[in-house]
N, C-alpha and C. Protein backbone atom coordinates (compact mmCIF):
# COMPACT_ATOMS: atom_id res chain seq x y z
N MET A 1 -3.75 197.26 40.39
CA MET A 1 -3.42 197.67 41.77
C MET A 1 -2.43 196.51 42.52
N ASP A 2 -1.31 197.08 42.89
CA ASP A 2 -0.22 196.15 43.74
C ASP A 2 -0.58 195.83 44.79
N ARG A 3 -0.48 194.09 45.01
CA ARG A 3 -1.34 193.44 45.80
C ARG A 3 -1.04 194.21 47.55
N ARG A 4 0.39 194.62 47.66
CA ARG A 4 0.98 195.03 48.88
C ARG A 4 0.00 196.19 49.59
N ARG A 5 0.02 197.21 48.35
CA ARG A 5 -0.87 198.35 48.20
C ARG A 5 -2.27 198.04 48.80
N LEU A 6 -2.81 197.21 48.22
CA LEU A 6 -4.27 196.78 48.63
C LEU A 6 -4.40 196.32 49.84
N GLU A 7 -3.34 195.40 50.46
CA GLU A 7 -3.37 194.86 51.69
C GLU A 7 -3.21 196.26 52.68
N GLN A 8 -2.52 196.85 52.36
CA GLN A 8 -2.25 198.18 53.48
C GLN A 8 -3.49 199.01 53.58
N ILE A 9 -4.27 199.19 52.72
CA ILE A 9 -5.48 200.10 52.57
C ILE A 9 -6.51 199.04 53.24
N GLU A 10 -6.25 197.99 53.11
CA GLU A 10 -7.52 196.93 53.81
C GLU A 10 -7.21 197.10 55.05
N LYS A 11 -6.18 197.03 55.75
CA LYS A 11 -5.77 197.05 56.92
C LYS A 11 -5.93 198.62 57.70
N TYR A 12 -6.19 199.49 56.80
CA TYR A 12 -6.62 200.83 57.24
C TYR A 12 -7.98 200.98 57.46
N VAL A 13 -8.67 200.22 56.52
CA VAL A 13 -10.17 200.21 56.75
C VAL A 13 -10.52 199.30 58.17
N LEU A 14 -10.28 198.29 58.05
CA LEU A 14 -10.19 197.67 59.50
C LEU A 14 -9.66 198.38 60.82
N ALA A 15 -8.76 199.09 60.44
CA ALA A 15 -8.30 199.96 61.37
C ALA A 15 -9.10 200.91 61.63
N PHE A 16 -9.83 201.57 60.86
CA PHE A 16 -10.90 202.36 61.13
C PHE A 16 -11.80 202.29 61.85
N PHE A 17 -12.53 200.97 61.93
CA PHE A 17 -13.55 200.32 62.35
C PHE A 17 -13.03 200.46 63.83
N GLN A 18 -12.03 199.78 64.21
CA GLN A 18 -11.46 199.66 65.39
C GLN A 18 -11.31 201.10 66.16
N THR A 19 -10.49 201.75 65.55
CA THR A 19 -10.50 203.02 65.94
C THR A 19 -12.06 203.87 66.52
N GLN A 20 -12.88 203.82 65.69
CA GLN A 20 -14.26 204.08 65.74
C GLN A 20 -14.96 203.20 66.61
N GLY A 21 -14.73 201.99 67.22
CA GLY A 21 -14.84 201.16 68.10
C GLY A 21 -16.66 200.85 67.71
N ARG A 22 -16.81 200.74 66.14
CA ARG A 22 -18.56 200.54 65.84
C ARG A 22 -18.41 199.54 64.52
N SER A 23 -19.28 198.70 64.80
CA SER A 23 -19.12 197.92 63.51
C SER A 23 -20.33 198.25 62.37
N HIS A 24 -20.67 199.28 62.34
CA HIS A 24 -21.50 199.68 61.45
C HIS A 24 -21.17 201.51 61.42
N ILE A 25 -20.93 201.88 59.73
CA ILE A 25 -20.63 203.80 59.51
C ILE A 25 -20.95 203.80 58.51
N LEU A 26 -21.13 205.06 58.49
CA LEU A 26 -21.64 205.74 57.16
C LEU A 26 -20.38 205.68 56.01
N ALA A 27 -20.32 205.05 54.56
CA ALA A 27 -19.32 205.01 54.02
C ALA A 27 -18.67 206.27 53.71
N THR A 28 -19.45 207.44 53.79
CA THR A 28 -18.92 208.93 53.75
C THR A 28 -17.81 209.28 54.91
N GLU A 29 -17.89 208.34 56.22
CA GLU A 29 -16.92 208.59 57.28
C GLU A 29 -15.46 208.09 56.89
N LEU A 30 -15.58 206.97 56.16
CA LEU A 30 -14.18 206.52 56.03
C LEU A 30 -13.65 207.09 54.74
N PHE A 31 -14.45 207.41 53.64
CA PHE A 31 -13.92 208.28 52.64
C PHE A 31 -13.37 209.79 52.89
N HIS A 32 -13.88 210.21 53.95
CA HIS A 32 -13.26 211.69 54.58
C HIS A 32 -12.35 211.33 55.60
N SER A 33 -11.90 209.98 55.98
CA SER A 33 -11.10 209.98 57.38
C SER A 33 -9.50 210.11 56.64
N THR A 34 -9.43 210.24 55.59
CA THR A 34 -7.89 210.29 54.62
C THR A 34 -7.86 210.94 53.77
N SER A 35 -6.48 211.69 53.30
CA SER A 35 -6.35 212.07 51.88
C SER A 35 -5.28 211.57 51.48
N GLU A 36 -4.81 210.57 52.23
CA GLU A 36 -3.74 209.25 51.80
C GLU A 36 -4.13 208.36 50.71
N TYR A 37 -5.11 207.95 50.73
CA TYR A 37 -5.77 206.89 49.80
C TYR A 37 -6.94 207.53 48.96
N ALA A 38 -6.95 207.11 47.53
CA ALA A 38 -7.56 207.61 46.70
C ALA A 38 -8.99 206.88 46.92
N ASN A 39 -10.13 207.70 46.90
CA ASN A 39 -11.59 207.02 46.92
C ASN A 39 -11.79 205.75 46.53
N ALA A 40 -11.08 205.36 45.01
CA ALA A 40 -11.14 204.54 44.19
C ALA A 40 -10.52 203.22 44.92
N ASP A 41 -9.41 203.72 45.56
CA ASP A 41 -8.48 202.46 46.16
C ASP A 41 -9.23 201.96 47.22
N LEU A 42 -9.98 202.95 48.11
CA LEU A 42 -10.88 202.28 49.31
C LEU A 42 -11.93 201.88 48.62
N VAL A 43 -12.36 202.01 47.92
CA VAL A 43 -13.51 201.15 47.08
C VAL A 43 -12.70 199.76 46.59
N ARG A 44 -11.75 199.52 46.00
CA ARG A 44 -11.10 198.47 45.77
C ARG A 44 -10.87 197.38 47.37
N ALA A 45 -10.28 198.42 48.23
CA ALA A 45 -10.04 197.67 49.52
C ALA A 45 -11.48 197.02 49.97
N LEU A 46 -12.61 197.84 49.92
CA LEU A 46 -13.89 197.45 50.69
C LEU A 46 -14.17 196.22 49.69
N GLU A 47 -14.26 196.17 48.30
CA GLU A 47 -14.45 195.08 47.48
C GLU A 47 -13.79 193.93 47.69
N ALA A 48 -12.43 193.92 48.06
CA ALA A 48 -11.88 192.79 48.47
C ALA A 48 -12.19 192.14 49.85
N LEU A 49 -12.51 193.47 50.63
CA LEU A 49 -12.74 192.64 52.10
C LEU A 49 -14.18 192.34 52.09
N GLU A 50 -15.41 192.65 51.20
CA GLU A 50 -16.44 192.11 51.15
C GLU A 50 -16.54 190.88 50.26
N LYS A 51 -15.79 190.82 49.52
CA LYS A 51 -16.31 189.41 48.22
C LYS A 51 -15.10 188.53 48.66
N GLN A 52 -13.89 188.65 48.97
CA GLN A 52 -12.65 187.66 49.23
C GLN A 52 -12.94 187.32 50.76
N GLU A 53 -12.65 188.52 51.44
CA GLU A 53 -12.50 187.99 52.91
C GLU A 53 -14.03 187.90 53.51
N ARG A 54 -14.85 188.52 53.03
CA ARG A 54 -16.44 188.41 53.65
C ARG A 54 -16.37 188.88 55.02
N LEU A 55 -15.45 190.11 55.34
CA LEU A 55 -15.46 190.64 56.64
C LEU A 55 -16.23 191.84 56.76
N LEU A 56 -16.89 192.36 55.76
CA LEU A 56 -17.81 193.60 55.76
C LEU A 56 -18.72 193.28 54.58
N VAL A 57 -20.00 194.28 54.78
CA VAL A 57 -21.02 194.30 53.50
C VAL A 57 -21.03 195.55 53.25
N ARG A 58 -21.68 196.10 52.16
CA ARG A 58 -21.78 197.48 51.93
C ARG A 58 -23.50 197.44 51.27
N TYR A 59 -24.12 198.29 51.81
CA TYR A 59 -25.48 198.44 51.38
C TYR A 59 -25.78 199.98 51.35
N THR A 60 -26.95 200.24 50.67
CA THR A 60 -27.53 201.39 50.73
C THR A 60 -28.96 201.01 51.44
N LYS A 61 -29.54 202.14 52.50
CA LYS A 61 -30.71 202.36 53.23
C LYS A 61 -30.80 203.56 53.12
N ASP A 62 -32.34 204.14 52.60
CA ASP A 62 -32.73 205.29 52.78
C ASP A 62 -31.87 206.47 52.28
N GLY A 63 -31.05 206.03 51.16
CA GLY A 63 -30.57 206.89 50.34
C GLY A 63 -29.08 207.25 51.16
N TYR A 64 -28.67 206.41 52.25
CA TYR A 64 -27.26 206.60 52.59
C TYR A 64 -26.46 205.13 52.23
N ASP A 65 -25.26 205.24 51.85
CA ASP A 65 -24.36 204.36 51.98
C ASP A 65 -23.76 203.91 53.21
N TYR A 66 -23.59 202.50 53.51
CA TYR A 66 -23.20 202.26 54.82
C TYR A 66 -22.28 200.97 54.67
N ILE A 67 -21.37 200.87 55.37
CA ILE A 67 -20.49 199.64 55.70
C ILE A 67 -20.55 199.10 56.85
N SER A 68 -20.78 197.84 56.81
CA SER A 68 -21.25 197.00 58.33
C SER A 68 -20.48 195.65 58.35
N LEU A 69 -19.64 195.73 59.25
CA LEU A 69 -18.66 194.44 59.76
C LEU A 69 -19.44 193.15 59.69
N THR A 70 -19.07 192.34 59.20
CA THR A 70 -19.90 190.87 59.51
C THR A 70 -19.31 190.41 61.09
N PRO A 71 -19.98 189.36 61.44
CA PRO A 71 -19.30 188.82 62.70
C PRO A 71 -18.02 188.59 62.40
N GLN A 72 -17.61 187.77 61.63
CA GLN A 72 -16.05 187.42 61.43
C GLN A 72 -15.04 188.73 61.63
N GLY A 73 -15.92 189.88 61.07
CA GLY A 73 -15.03 191.01 60.75
C GLY A 73 -15.08 191.96 61.87
N ALA A 74 -16.01 191.80 62.53
CA ALA A 74 -15.80 192.37 64.02
C ALA A 74 -14.78 191.77 65.00
N ALA A 75 -14.98 190.26 65.03
CA ALA A 75 -14.06 189.92 65.57
C ALA A 75 -12.47 189.76 65.36
N SER A 76 -12.28 190.15 64.15
CA SER A 76 -11.07 190.44 63.58
C SER A 76 -10.48 191.44 63.96
N VAL A 77 -11.34 192.52 64.27
CA VAL A 77 -10.76 193.67 64.77
C VAL A 77 -10.96 194.11 66.31
N GLY A 78 -11.66 193.08 66.97
CA GLY A 78 -11.60 192.87 68.30
C GLY A 78 -12.81 193.97 68.94
N ILE A 79 -13.89 194.23 68.21
CA ILE A 79 -14.82 194.91 68.79
C ILE A 79 -16.37 193.94 68.63
N GLU A 80 -17.30 194.23 69.46
CA GLU A 80 -18.70 193.44 69.55
C GLU A 80 -19.29 193.83 67.93
N HIS A 81 -19.75 192.75 67.54
CA HIS A 81 -20.88 193.15 66.06
C HIS A 81 -22.08 193.47 66.76
N VAL A 82 -22.63 194.33 66.27
CA VAL A 82 -24.08 194.48 66.70
C VAL A 82 -25.15 194.75 65.38
N ASP A 83 -25.80 193.53 65.74
CA ASP A 83 -27.23 193.28 64.38
C ASP A 83 -28.07 194.57 64.56
N LEU A 84 -27.97 195.01 63.30
CA LEU A 84 -28.90 196.36 63.40
C LEU A 84 -30.42 196.02 63.24
N ASP A 85 -30.86 195.07 62.75
CA ASP A 85 -31.95 194.65 62.80
C ASP A 85 -32.00 193.17 61.77
N GLU A 86 -33.33 192.75 61.62
CA GLU A 86 -33.57 191.42 61.01
C GLU A 86 -33.35 191.68 59.40
N SER A 87 -33.40 193.15 58.71
CA SER A 87 -33.10 193.09 57.39
C SER A 87 -31.81 193.81 57.30
N SER A 88 -31.14 193.38 57.94
CA SER A 88 -29.55 193.60 57.92
C SER A 88 -29.06 192.86 56.68
N PRO A 89 -28.21 193.46 56.05
CA PRO A 89 -27.88 192.77 54.63
C PRO A 89 -26.60 191.56 54.79
N MET A 90 -27.02 190.68 54.03
CA MET A 90 -25.95 189.35 54.09
C MET A 90 -24.77 189.77 53.12
N PRO A 91 -23.73 188.96 53.54
CA PRO A 91 -22.55 188.90 52.69
C PRO A 91 -22.84 188.47 51.13
N HIS A 92 -22.23 189.05 50.09
CA HIS A 92 -22.58 188.50 48.98
C HIS A 92 -21.94 186.90 48.96
N PRO A 93 -22.58 186.02 48.13
CA PRO A 93 -22.01 184.85 48.12
C PRO A 93 -20.39 185.13 47.16
N PRO A 94 -19.55 184.15 47.27
CA PRO A 94 -18.51 183.98 46.77
C PRO A 94 -18.76 183.87 44.97
N LYS A 95 -17.75 184.32 44.24
CA LYS A 95 -18.07 184.58 43.12
C LYS A 95 -18.15 182.87 42.35
N SER A 96 -17.43 182.25 43.09
CA SER A 96 -17.67 180.51 42.43
C SER A 96 -18.83 180.10 42.83
N ALA A 97 -19.56 180.93 43.87
CA ALA A 97 -20.97 179.85 44.20
C ALA A 97 -21.88 180.33 43.25
N THR A 98 -21.77 181.34 42.71
CA THR A 98 -22.66 181.88 41.55
C THR A 98 -22.40 181.68 39.87
N LYS A 99 -21.30 180.89 39.69
CA LYS A 99 -21.28 180.72 38.23
C LYS A 99 -21.95 179.52 37.98
N SER A 100 -22.54 179.56 37.00
CA SER A 100 -23.11 178.68 36.59
C SER A 100 -22.25 177.43 35.57
N THR A 101 -22.41 176.18 35.81
CA THR A 101 -21.60 175.22 35.31
C THR A 101 -21.97 174.39 33.75
C-alpha cells in the first residue's frame, strides 16, 4: 500500500476517535463509518497505529472486537483517556523487542 494512502487512513481513524469523543470503540463502528476505505485498508492502518505508532490497541472481549486508544493516542487526538479496568490490554511490544538474537 502507498505510504501516503496509509497515512491518510491513519488520520481518518484518529479523527474518528476525536469525532466520537471516546477512547474506546467497537471495531464495527469504525468499519461501518465510511465506504471510502476498504476494511482491509482500515485494518492495515490499525496495525500501523498499534504496532508502529503504539497509539491504540485492538482486542476481543466477550466476542466483540474493540479498539482503544493508548494514553499517548488519546493525548494525540485531544481526548481524555479512560482506563476500562485493570484487565485492559497492553500495547504489543515492538517487533524488535520480540526478535531473538
